[in-house]
Amino acid sequence: MNNEKFLIHIDIADKTYPLRIYRKDEEMARKAAKQIKNLAQQYGAKYLKSVRNDKDILAMVAFQLSVEKLQQEERNDTTPFIDKIQQMIHLMETCLDDNK
């Protein structure tokens, strides 16, 4: 069934982690692990001399992914558009009331 969890193993920083997930989430989980691995390799290669260990690399990966998530949330914030539409509606209602 789709609502049952099953066990997969993902590799992050040369360590394997067991993860119980729903089958529908398997592809996303594997993509996330691959993204972390790729970013960690990039940071490791770029900052080879200044990186002390995998913990430092994973901290930078977590930071980058968090910034990207916050930027995405900001782009999806519709509050400014809703506020502007409400202002326009108020202005139109005011104009219509004045013409009566």
PDB file of N, CA and C in Angstrom:
ATOM      1  N   MET A   1       0.828  -1.189   0.000  1.00  0.00           N
ATOM      2  CA  MET A   1       0.000   0.000   0.000  1.00  0.00           C
ATOM      3  C   MET A   1       0.875   1.256   0.000  1.00  0.00           C
ATOM      4  N   ASN A   2       0.337   2.369  -0.501  1.00  0.00           N
ATOM      5  CA  ASN A   2       1.078   3.620  -0.567  1.00  0.00           C
ATOM      6  C   ASN A   2       1.247   4.297   0.778  1.00  0.00           C
ATOM      7  N   ASN A   3       0.402   3.946   1.751  1.00  0.00           N
ATOM      8  CA  ASN A   3       0.486   4.626   3.033  1.00  0.00           C
ATOM      9  C   ASN A   3       1.355   3.874   4.034  1.00  0.00           C
ATOM     10  N   GLU A   4       2.077   2.850   3.574  1.00  0.00           N
ATOM     11  CA  GLU A   4       2.979   2.113   4.443  1.00  0.00           C
ATOM     12  C   GLU A   4       4.406   2.586   4.223  1.00  0.00           C
ATOM     13  N   LYS A   5       5.138   2.688   5.303  1.00  0.00           N
ATOM     14  CA  LYS A   5       6.531   3.098   5.206  1.00  0.00           C
ATOM     15  C   LYS A   5       7.418   1.880   4.941  1.00  0.00           C
ATOM     16  N   PHE A   6       8.539   2.135   4.288  1.00  0.00           N
ATOM     17  CA  PHE A   6       9.513   1.084   4.083  1.00  0.00           C
ATOM     18  C   PHE A   6      10.904   1.662   4.290  1.00  0.00           C
ATOM     19  N   LEU A   7      11.875   0.804   4.398  1.00  0.00           N
ATOM     20  CA  LEU A   7      13.228   1.208   4.749  1.00  0.00           C
ATOM     21  C   LEU A   7      14.083   1.399   3.507  1.00  0.00           C
ATOM     22  N   ILE A   8      14.756   2.555   3.436  1.00  0.00           N
ATOM     23  CA  ILE A   8      15.777   2.770   2.422  1.00  0.00           C
ATOM     24  C   ILE A   8      17.047   3.194   3.163  1.00  0.00           C
ATOM     25  N   HIS A   9      18.157   3.180   2.456  1.00  0.00           N
ATOM     26  CA  HIS A   9      19.420   3.625   3.020  1.00  0.00           C
ATOM     27  C   HIS A   9      19.958   4.741   2.141  1.00  0.00           C
ATOM     28  N   ILE A  10      20.332   5.840   2.774  1.00  0.00           N
ATOM     29  CA  ILE A  10      20.927   6.946   2.032  1.00  0.00           C
ATOM     30  C   ILE A  10      22.333   7.189   2.571  1.00  0.00           C
ATOM     31  N   ASP A  11      23.221   7.605   1.676  1.00  0.00           N
ATOM     32  CA  ASP A  11      24.604   7.870   2.043  1.00  0.00           C
ATOM     33  C   ASP A  11      24.857   9.367   2.059  1.00  0.00           C
ATOM     34  N   ILE A  12      25.356   9.841   3.196  1.00  0.00           N
ATOM     35  CA  ILE A  12      25.731  11.247   3.344  1.00  0.00           C
ATOM     36  C   ILE A  12      27.066  11.279   4.079  1.00  0.00           C
ATOM     37  N   ALA A  13      28.038  11.944   3.489  1.00  0.00           N
ATOM     38  CA  ALA A  13      29.370  12.106   4.093  1.00  0.00           C
ATOM     39  C   ALA A  13      29.971  10.759   4.495  1.00  0.00           C
ATOM     40  N   ASP A  14      29.955   9.833   3.557  1.00  0.00           N
ATOM     41  CA  ASP A  14      30.558   8.504   3.762  1.00  0.00           C
ATOM     42  C   ASP A  14      29.947   7.723   4.916  1.00  0.00           C
ATOM     43  N   LYS A  15      28.703   8.014   5.209  1.00  0.00           N
ATOM     44  CA  LYS A  15      27.999   7.272   6.244  1.00  0.00           C
ATOM     45  C   LYS A  15      26.612   6.920   5.713  1.00  0.00           C
ATOM     46  N   THR A  16      26.165   5.714   6.005  1.00  0.00           N
ATOM     47  CA  THR A  16      24.858   5.250   5.554  1.00  0.00           C
ATOM     48  C   THR A  16      23.840   5.420   6.671  1.00  0.00           C
ATOM     49  N   TYR A  17      22.699   6.002   6.288  1.00  0.00           N
ATOM     50  CA  TYR A  17      21.628   6.245   7.245  1.00  0.00           C
ATOM     51  C   TYR A  17      20.372   5.484   6.808  1.00  0.00           C
ATOM     52  N   PRO A  18      19.795   4.685   7.717  1.00  0.00           N
ATOM     53  CA  PRO A  18      18.514   4.045   7.399  1.00  0.00           C
ATOM     54  C   PRO A  18      17.400   5.083   7.545  1.00  0.00           C
ATOM     55  N   LEU A  19      16.442   5.007   6.657  1.00  0.00           N
ATOM     56  CA  LEU A  19      15.369   5.992   6.660  1.00  0.00           C
ATOM     57  C   LEU A  19      14.055   5.297   6.321  1.00  0.00           C
ATOM     58  N   ARG A  20      13.078   5.434   7.178  1.00  0.00           N
ATOM     59  CA  ARG A  20      11.742   4.877   6.908  1.00  0.00           C
ATOM     60  C   ARG A  20      10.894   5.972   6.280  1.00  0.00           C
ATOM     61  N   ILE A  21      10.435   5.718   5.061  1.00  0.00           N
ATOM     62  CA  ILE A  21       9.659   6.713   4.325  1.00  0.00           C
ATOM     63  C   ILE A  21       8.515   6.033   3.589  1.00  0.00           C
ATOM     64  N   TYR A  22       7.596   6.862   3.132  1.00  0.00           N
ATOM     65  CA  TYR A  22       6.534   6.357   2.266  1.00  0.00           C
ATOM     66  C   TYR A  22       7.104   6.161   0.869  1.00  0.00           C
ATOM     67  N   ARG A  23       6.607   5.164   0.170  1.00  0.00           N
ATOM     68  CA  ARG A  23       7.104   4.862  -1.168  1.00  0.00           C
ATOM     69  C   ARG A  23       7.010   6.095  -2.075  1.00  0.00           C
ATOM     70  N   LYS A  24       5.963   6.887  -1.939  1.00  0.00           N
ATOM     71  CA  LYS A  24       5.787   8.068  -2.785  1.00  0.00           C
ATOM     72  C   LYS A  24       6.887   9.108  -2.555  1.00  0.00           C
ATOM     73  N   ASP A  25       7.566   9.041  -1.412  1.00  0.00           N
ATOM     74  CA  ASP A  25       8.617  10.003  -1.078  1.00  0.00           C
ATOM     75  C   ASP A  25      10.026   9.499  -1.400  1.00  0.00           C
ATOM     76  N   GLU A  26      10.130   8.277  -1.906  1.00  0.00           N
ATOM     77  CA  GLU A  26      11.453   7.689  -2.130  1.00  0.00           C
ATOM     78  C   GLU A  26      12.294   8.491  -3.126  1.00  0.00           C
ATOM     79  N   GLU A  27      11.723   8.846  -4.250  1.00  0.00           N
ATOM     80  CA  GLU A  27      12.486   9.582  -5.262  1.00  0.00           C
ATOM     81  C   GLU A  27      12.994  10.918  -4.708  1.00  0.00           C
ATOM     82  N   MET A  28      12.134  11.629  -3.995  1.00  0.00           N
ATOM     83  CA  MET A  28      12.527  12.914  -3.416  1.00  0.00           C
ATOM     84  C   MET A  28      13.650  12.727  -2.394  1.00  0.00           C
ATOM     85  N   ALA A  29      13.556  11.701  -1.561  1.00  0.00           N
ATOM     86  CA  ALA A  29      14.584  11.446  -0.549  1.00  0.00           C
ATOM     87  C   ALA A  29      15.919  11.129  -1.202  1.00  0.00           C
ATOM     88  N   ARG A  30      15.894  10.328  -2.248  1.00  0.00           N
ATOM     89  CA  ARG A  30      17.148   9.978  -2.937  1.00  0.00           C
ATOM     90  C   ARG A  30      17.742  11.194  -3.657  1.00  0.00           C
ATOM     91  N   LYS A  31      16.883  12.027  -4.233  1.00  0.00           N
ATOM     92  CA  LYS A  31      17.367  13.259  -4.870  1.00  0.00           C
ATOM     93  C   LYS A  31      17.988  14.201  -3.840  1.00  0.00           C
ATOM     94  N   ALA A  32      17.366  14.296  -2.671  1.00  0.00           N
ATOM     95  CA  ALA A  32      17.891  15.161  -1.609  1.00  0.00           C
ATOM     96  C   ALA A  32      19.267  14.672  -1.165  1.00  0.00           C
ATOM     97  N   ALA A  33      19.405  13.365  -0.969  1.00  0.00           N
ATOM     98  CA  ALA A  33      20.697  12.808  -0.561  1.00  0.00           C
ATOM     99  C   ALA A  33      21.752  13.055  -1.635  1.00  0.00           C
ATOM    100  N   LYS A  34      21.362  12.912  -2.885  1.00  0.00           N
ATOM    101  CA  LYS A  34      22.299  13.151  -3.990  1.00  0.00           C
ATOM    102  C   LYS A  34      22.700  14.631  -4.049  1.00  0.00           C
ATOM    103  N   GLN A  35      21.742  15.520  -3.818  1.00  0.00           N
ATOM    104  CA  GLN A  35      22.042  16.954  -3.813  1.00  0.00           C
ATOM    105  C   GLN A  35      23.041  17.288  -2.707  1.00  0.00           C
ATOM    106  N   ILE A  36      22.835  16.731  -1.528  1.00  0.00           N
ATOM    107  CA  ILE A  36      23.755  16.957  -0.419  1.00  0.00           C
ATOM    108  C   ILE A  36      25.143  16.441  -0.774  1.00  0.00           C
ATOM    109  N   LYS A  37      25.196  15.251  -1.342  1.00  0.00           N
ATOM    110  CA  LYS A  37      26.484  14.663  -1.731  1.00  0.00           C
ATOM    111  C   LYS A  37      27.210  15.541  -2.744  1.00  0.00           C
ATOM    112  N   ASN A  38      26.479  16.011  -3.759  1.00  0.00           N
ATOM    113  CA  ASN A  38      27.088  16.853  -4.791  1.00  0.00           C
ATOM    114  C   ASN A  38      27.592  18.176  -4.222  1.00  0.00           C
ATOM    115  N   LEU A  39      26.777  18.814  -3.386  1.00  0.00           N
ATOM    116  CA  LEU A  39      27.199  20.074  -2.770  1.00  0.00           C
ATOM    117  C   LEU A  39      28.398  19.867  -1.855  1.00  0.00           C
ATOM    118  N   ALA A  40      28.401  18.772  -1.099  1.00  0.00           N
ATOM    119  CA  ALA A  40      29.527  18.485  -0.209  1.00  0.00           C
ATOM    120  C   ALA A  40      30.813  18.281  -1.013  1.00  0.00           C
ATOM    121  N   GLN A  41      30.710  17.617  -2.141  1.00  0.00           N
ATOM    122  CA  GLN A  41      31.888  17.427  -3.002  1.00  0.00           C
ATOM    123  C   GLN A  41      32.374  18.769  -3.540  1.00  0.00           C
ATOM    124  N   GLN A  42      31.447  19.630  -3.933  1.00  0.00           N
ATOM    125  CA  GLN A  42      31.821  20.952  -4.438  1.00  0.00           C
ATOM    126  C   GLN A  42      32.523  21.775  -3.360  1.00  0.00           C
ATOM    127  N   TYR A  43      31.953  21.802  -2.154  1.00  0.00           N
ATOM    128  CA  TYR A  43      32.581  22.551  -1.066  1.00  0.00           C
ATOM    129  C   TYR A  43      33.934  21.949  -0.709  1.00  0.00           C
ATOM    130  N   GLY A  44      34.001  20.632  -0.673  1.00  0.00           N
ATOM    131  CA  GLY A  44      35.257  19.968  -0.342  1.00  0.00           C
ATOM    132  C   GLY A  44      36.357  20.303  -1.331  1.00  0.00           C
ATOM    133  N   ALA A  45      36.009  20.334  -2.619  1.00  0.00           N
ATOM    134  CA  ALA A  45      36.996  20.649  -3.651  1.00  0.00           C
ATOM    135  C   ALA A  45      37.377  22.129  -3.628  1.00  0.00           C
ATOM    136  N   LYS A  46      36.391  22.971  -3.386  1.00  0.00           N
ATOM    137  CA  LYS A  46      36.629  24.420  -3.439  1.00  0.00           C
ATOM    138  C   LYS A  46      37.419  24.913  -2.229  1.00  0.00           C
ATOM    139  N   TYR A  47      37.129  24.364  -1.071  1.00  0.00           N
ATOM    140  CA  TYR A  47      37.747  24.829   0.166  1.00  0.00           C
ATOM    141  C   TYR A  47      38.635  23.756   0.798  1.00  0.00           C
ATOM    142  N   LEU A  48      39.310  22.993  -0.033  1.00  0.00           N
ATOM    143  CA  LEU A  48      40.100  21.849   0.419  1.00  0.00           C
ATOM    144  C   LEU A  48      41.067  22.215   1.541  1.00  0.00           C
ATOM    145  N   LYS A  49      41.720  23.358   1.440  1.00  0.00           N
ATOM    146  CA  LYS A  49      42.734  23.727   2.429  1.00  0.00           C
ATOM    147  C   LYS A  49      42.128  24.215   3.743  1.00  0.00           C
ATOM    148  N   SER A  50      40.961  24.850   3.679  1.00  0.00           N
ATOM    149  CA  SER A  50      40.395  25.431   4.898  1.00  0.00           C
ATOM    150  C   SER A  50      39.375  24.534   5.593  1.00  0.00           C
ATOM    151  N   VAL A  51      38.925  23.485   4.938  1.00  0.00           N
ATOM    152  CA  VAL A  51      37.919  22.595   5.538  1.00  0.00           C
ATOM    153  C   VAL A  51      38.610  21.602   6.466  1.00  0.00           C
ATOM    154  N   ARG A  52      38.105  21.533   7.666  1.00  0.00           N
ATOM    155  CA  ARG A  52      38.735  20.660   8.657  1.00  0.00           C
ATOM    156  C   ARG A  52      38.199  19.238   8.601  1.00  0.00           C
ATOM    157  N   ASN A  53      36.885  19.114   8.371  1.00  0.00           N
ATOM    158  CA  ASN A  53      36.287  17.771   8.378  1.00  0.00           C
ATOM    159  C   ASN A  53      34.931  17.796   7.687  1.00  0.00           C
ATOM    160  N   ASP A  54      34.301  16.634   7.633  1.00  0.00           N
ATOM    161  CA  ASP A  54      32.982  16.520   6.992  1.00  0.00           C
ATOM    162  C   ASP A  54      31.941  17.387   7.689  1.00  0.00           C
ATOM    163  N   LYS A  55      32.084  17.592   8.981  1.00  0.00           N
ATOM    164  CA  LYS A  55      31.128  18.407   9.729  1.00  0.00           C
ATOM    165  C   LYS A  55      31.122  19.844   9.200  1.00  0.00           C
ATOM    166  N   ASP A  56      32.304  20.381   8.903  1.00  0.00           N
ATOM    167  CA  ASP A  56      32.394  21.733   8.346  1.00  0.00           C
ATOM    168  C   ASP A  56      31.709  21.800   6.982  1.00  0.00           C
ATOM    169  N   ILE A  57      31.955  20.805   6.169  1.00  0.00           N
ATOM    170  CA  ILE A  57      31.355  20.778   4.829  1.00  0.00           C
ATOM    171  C   ILE A  57      29.840  20.680   4.941  1.00  0.00           C
ATOM    172  N   LEU A  58      29.362  19.788   5.780  1.00  0.00           N
ATOM    173  CA  LEU A  58      27.913  19.620   5.933  1.00  0.00           C
ATOM    174  C   LEU A  58      27.263  20.871   6.527  1.00  0.00           C
ATOM    175  N   ALA A  59      27.970  21.588   7.370  1.00  0.00           N
ATOM    176  CA  ALA A  59      27.436  22.841   7.908  1.00  0.00           C
ATOM    177  C   ALA A  59      27.238  23.847   6.778  1.00  0.00           C
ATOM    178  N   MET A  60      28.186  23.936   5.855  1.00  0.00           N
ATOM    179  CA  MET A  60      28.058  24.861   4.731  1.00  0.00           C
ATOM    180  C   MET A  60      26.950  24.414   3.765  1.00  0.00           C
ATOM    181  N   VAL A  61      26.813  23.121   3.563  1.00  0.00           N
ATOM    182  CA  VAL A  61      25.729  22.599   2.721  1.00  0.00           C
ATOM    183  C   VAL A  61      24.384  22.944   3.354  1.00  0.00           C
ATOM    184  N   ALA A  62      24.257  22.718   4.656  1.00  0.00           N
ATOM    185  CA  ALA A  62      23.001  23.041   5.354  1.00  0.00           C
ATOM    186  C   ALA A  62      22.694  24.523   5.240  1.00  0.00           C
ATOM    187  N   PHE A  63      23.722  25.357   5.396  1.00  0.00           N
ATOM    188  CA  PHE A  63      23.529  26.799   5.280  1.00  0.00           C
ATOM    189  C   PHE A  63      23.049  27.179   3.883  1.00  0.00           C
ATOM    190  N   GLN A  64      23.704  26.659   2.860  1.00  0.00           N
ATOM    191  CA  GLN A  64      23.313  26.982   1.483  1.00  0.00           C
ATOM    192  C   GLN A  64      21.884  26.543   1.192  1.00  0.00           C
ATOM    193  N   LEU A  65      21.530  25.336   1.580  1.00  0.00           N
ATOM    194  CA  LEU A  65      20.178  24.836   1.327  1.00  0.00           C
ATOM    195  C   LEU A  65      19.137  25.638   2.102  1.00  0.00           C
ATOM    196  N   SER A  66      19.484  26.076   3.298  1.00  0.00           N
ATOM    197  CA  SER A  66      18.558  26.898   4.078  1.00  0.00           C
ATOM    198  C   SER A  66      18.336  28.253   3.420  1.00  0.00           C
ATOM    199  N   VAL A  67      19.404  28.881   2.942  1.00  0.00           N
ATOM    200  CA  VAL A  67      19.272  30.166   2.240  1.00  0.00           C
ATOM    201  C   VAL A  67      18.406  29.995   1.000  1.00  0.00           C
ATOM    202  N   GLU A  68      18.649  28.942   0.231  1.00  0.00           N
ATOM    203  CA  GLU A  68      17.846  28.699  -0.974  1.00  0.00           C
ATOM    204  C   GLU A  68      16.378  28.494  -0.631  1.00  0.00           C
ATOM    205  N   LYS A  69      16.101  27.781   0.452  1.00  0.00           N
ATOM    206  CA  LYS A  69      14.710  27.558   0.875  1.00  0.00           C
ATOM    207  C   LYS A  69      14.046  28.871   1.259  1.00  0.00           C
ATOM    208  N   LEU A  70      14.759  29.707   2.011  1.00  0.00           N
ATOM    209  CA  LEU A  70      14.202  30.996   2.418  1.00  0.00           C
ATOM    210  C   LEU A  70      13.970  31.909   1.217  1.00  0.00           C
ATOM    211  N   GLN A  71      14.873  31.881   0.257  1.00  0.00           N
ATOM    212  CA  GLN A  71      14.687  32.675  -0.959  1.00  0.00           C
ATOM    213  C   GLN A  71      13.459  32.206  -1.726  1.00  0.00           C
ATOM    214  N   GLN A  72      13.270  30.901  -1.782  1.00  0.00           N
ATOM    215  CA  GLN A  72      12.102  30.341  -2.467  1.00  0.00           C
ATOM    216  C   GLN A  72      10.815  30.758  -1.760  1.00  0.00           C
ATOM    217  N   GLU A  73      10.819  30.696  -0.434  1.00  0.00           N
ATOM    218  CA  GLU A  73       9.633  31.107   0.323  1.00  0.00           C
ATOM    219  C   GLU A  73       9.327  32.580   0.084  1.00  0.00           C
ATOM    220  N   GLU A  74      10.376  33.392   0.011  1.00  0.00           N
ATOM    221  CA  GLU A  74      10.191  34.824  -0.222  1.00  0.00           C
ATOM    222  C   GLU A  74       9.595  35.080  -1.607  1.00  0.00           C
ATOM    223  N   ARG A  75      10.050  34.335  -2.603  1.00  0.00           N
ATOM    224  CA  ARG A  75       9.510  34.492  -3.959  1.00  0.00           C
ATOM    225  C   ARG A  75       8.055  34.065  -4.026  1.00  0.00           C
ATOM    226  N   ASN A  76       7.676  33.128  -3.184  1.00  0.00           N
ATOM    227  CA  ASN A  76       6.306  32.626  -3.196  1.00  0.00           C
ATOM    228  C   ASN A  76       5.378  33.418  -2.282  1.00  0.00           C
ATOM    229  N   ASP A  77       5.886  34.444  -1.632  1.00  0.00           N
ATOM    230  CA  ASP A  77       5.067  35.269  -0.739  1.00  0.00           C
ATOM    231  C   ASP A  77       4.159  36.164  -1.579  1.00  0.00           C
ATOM    232  N   THR A  78       2.881  35.931  -1.495  1.00  0.00           N
ATOM    233  CA  THR A  78       1.914  36.700  -2.291  1.00  0.00           C
ATOM    234  C   THR A  78       1.344  37.892  -1.532  1.00  0.00           C
ATOM    235  N   THR A  79       1.771  38.085  -0.300  1.00  0.00           N
ATOM    236  CA  THR A  79       1.233  39.170   0.523  1.00  0.00           C
ATOM    237  C   THR A  79       1.323  40.536  -0.155  1.00  0.00           C
ATOM    238  N   PRO A  80       2.482  40.918  -0.748  1.00  0.00           N
ATOM    239  CA  PRO A  80       2.524  42.233  -1.399  1.00  0.00           C
ATOM    240  C   PRO A  80       1.501  42.382  -2.525  1.00  0.00           C
ATOM    241  N   PHE A  81       1.264  41.306  -3.270  1.00  0.00           N
ATOM    242  CA  PHE A  81       0.296  41.358  -4.364  1.00  0.00           C
ATOM    243  C   PHE A  81      -1.129  41.482  -3.831  1.00  0.00           C
ATOM    244  N   ILE A  82      -1.407  40.728  -2.793  1.00  0.00           N
ATOM    245  CA  ILE A  82      -2.739  40.793  -2.189  1.00  0.00           C
ATOM    246  C   ILE A  82      -2.988  42.184  -1.622  1.00  0.00           C
ATOM    247  N   ASP A  83      -1.994  42.749  -0.955  1.00  0.00           N
ATOM    248  CA  ASP A  83      -2.133  44.106  -0.400  1.00  0.00           C
ATOM    249  C   ASP A  83      -2.399  45.115  -1.506  1.00  0.00           C
ATOM    250  N   LYS A  84      -1.676  45.011  -2.599  1.00  0.00           N
ATOM    251  CA  LYS A  84      -1.847  45.948  -3.717  1.00  0.00           C
ATOM    252  C   LYS A  84      -3.241  45.794  -4.334  1.00  0.00           C
ATOM    253  N   ILE A  85      -3.700  44.587  -4.513  1.00  0.00           N
ATOM    254  CA  ILE A  85      -5.037  44.342  -5.066  1.00  0.00           C
ATOM    255  C   ILE A  85      -6.100  44.933  -4.143  1.00  0.00           C
ATOM    256  N   GLN A  86      -5.938  44.754  -2.836  1.00  0.00           N
ATOM    257  CA  GLN A  86      -6.902  45.307  -1.888  1.00  0.00           C
ATOM    258  C   GLN A  86      -6.912  46.835  -1.944  1.00  0.00           C
ATOM    259  N   GLN A  87      -5.740  47.443  -2.117  1.00  0.00           N
ATOM    260  CA  GLN A  87      -5.669  48.898  -2.262  1.00  0.00           C
ATOM    261  C   GLN A  87      -6.412  49.351  -3.522  1.00  0.00           C
ATOM    262  N   MET A  88      -6.220  48.615  -4.607  1.00  0.00           N
ATOM    263  CA  MET A  88      -6.883  48.968  -5.867  1.00  0.00           C
ATOM    264  C   MET A  88      -8.392  48.812  -5.753  1.00  0.00           C
ATOM    265  N   ILE A  89      -8.836  47.757  -5.078  1.00  0.00           N
ATOM    266  CA  ILE A  89     -10.277  47.551  -4.882  1.00  0.00           C
ATOM    267  C   ILE A  89     -10.856  48.697  -4.058  1.00  0.00           C
ATOM    268  N   HIS A  90     -10.157  49.064  -3.007  1.00  0.00           N
ATOM    269  CA  HIS A  90     -10.611  50.175  -2.170  1.00  0.00           C
ATOM    270  C   HIS A  90     -10.692  51.465  -2.988  1.00  0.00           C
ATOM    271  N   LEU A  91      -9.684  51.720  -3.797  1.00  0.00           N
ATOM    272  CA  LEU A  91      -9.671  52.914  -4.642  1.00  0.00           C
ATOM    273  C   LEU A  91     -10.841  52.893  -5.632  1.00  0.00           C
ATOM    274  N   MET A  92     -11.104  51.757  -6.253  1.00  0.00           N
ATOM    275  CA  MET A  92     -12.218  51.663  -7.204  1.00  0.00           C
ATOM    276  C   MET A  92     -13.553  51.863  -6.492  1.00  0.00           C
ATOM    277  N   GLU A  93     -13.695  51.278  -5.304  1.00  0.00           N
ATOM    278  CA  GLU A  93     -14.937  51.448  -4.554  1.00  0.00           C
ATOM    279  C   GLU A  93     -15.136  52.908  -4.179  1.00  0.00           C
ATOM    280  N   THR A  94     -14.061  53.577  -3.800  1.00  0.00           N
ATOM    281  CA  THR A  94     -14.129  54.996  -3.455  1.00  0.00           C
ATOM    282  C   THR A  94     -14.550  55.821  -4.662  1.00  0.00           C
ATOM    283  N   CYS A  95     -13.955  55.517  -5.815  1.00  0.00           N
ATOM    284  CA  CYS A  95     -14.309  56.230  -7.046  1.00  0.00           C
ATOM    285  C   CYS A  95     -15.777  55.976  -7.423  1.00  0.00           C
ATOM    286  N   LEU A  96     -16.225  54.764  -7.281  1.00  0.00           N
ATOM    287  CA  LEU A  96     -17.609  54.435  -7.618  1.00  0.00           C
ATOM    288  C   LEU A  96     -18.582  55.145  -6.657  1.00  0.00           C
ATOM    289  N   ASP A  97     -18.244  55.170  -5.379  1.00  0.00           N
ATOM    290  CA  ASP A  97     -19.083  55.859  -4.392  1.00  0.00           C
ATOM    291  C   ASP A  97     -19.164  57.343  -4.676  1.00  0.00           C
ATOM    292  N   ASP A  98     -18.056  57.949  -5.133  1.00  0.00           N
ATOM    293  CA  ASP A  98     -18.017  59.384  -5.425  1.00  0.00           C
ATOM    294  C   ASP A  98     -18.869  59.727  -6.643  1.00  0.00           C
ATOM    295  N   ASN A  99     -19.067  58.786  -7.550  1.00  0.00           N
ATOM    296  CA  ASN A  99     -19.822  59.012  -8.777  1.00  0.00           C
ATOM    297  C   ASN A  99     -21.331  58.808  -8.588  1.00  0.00           C
ATOM    298  N   LYS A 100     -21.745  58.424  -7.421  1.00  0.00           N
ATOM    299  CA  LYS A 100     -23.179  58.190  -7.196  1.00  0.00           C
ATOM    300  C   LYS A 100     -23.905  59.465  -6.899  1.00  0.00           C
TER     301      LYS A 100
END
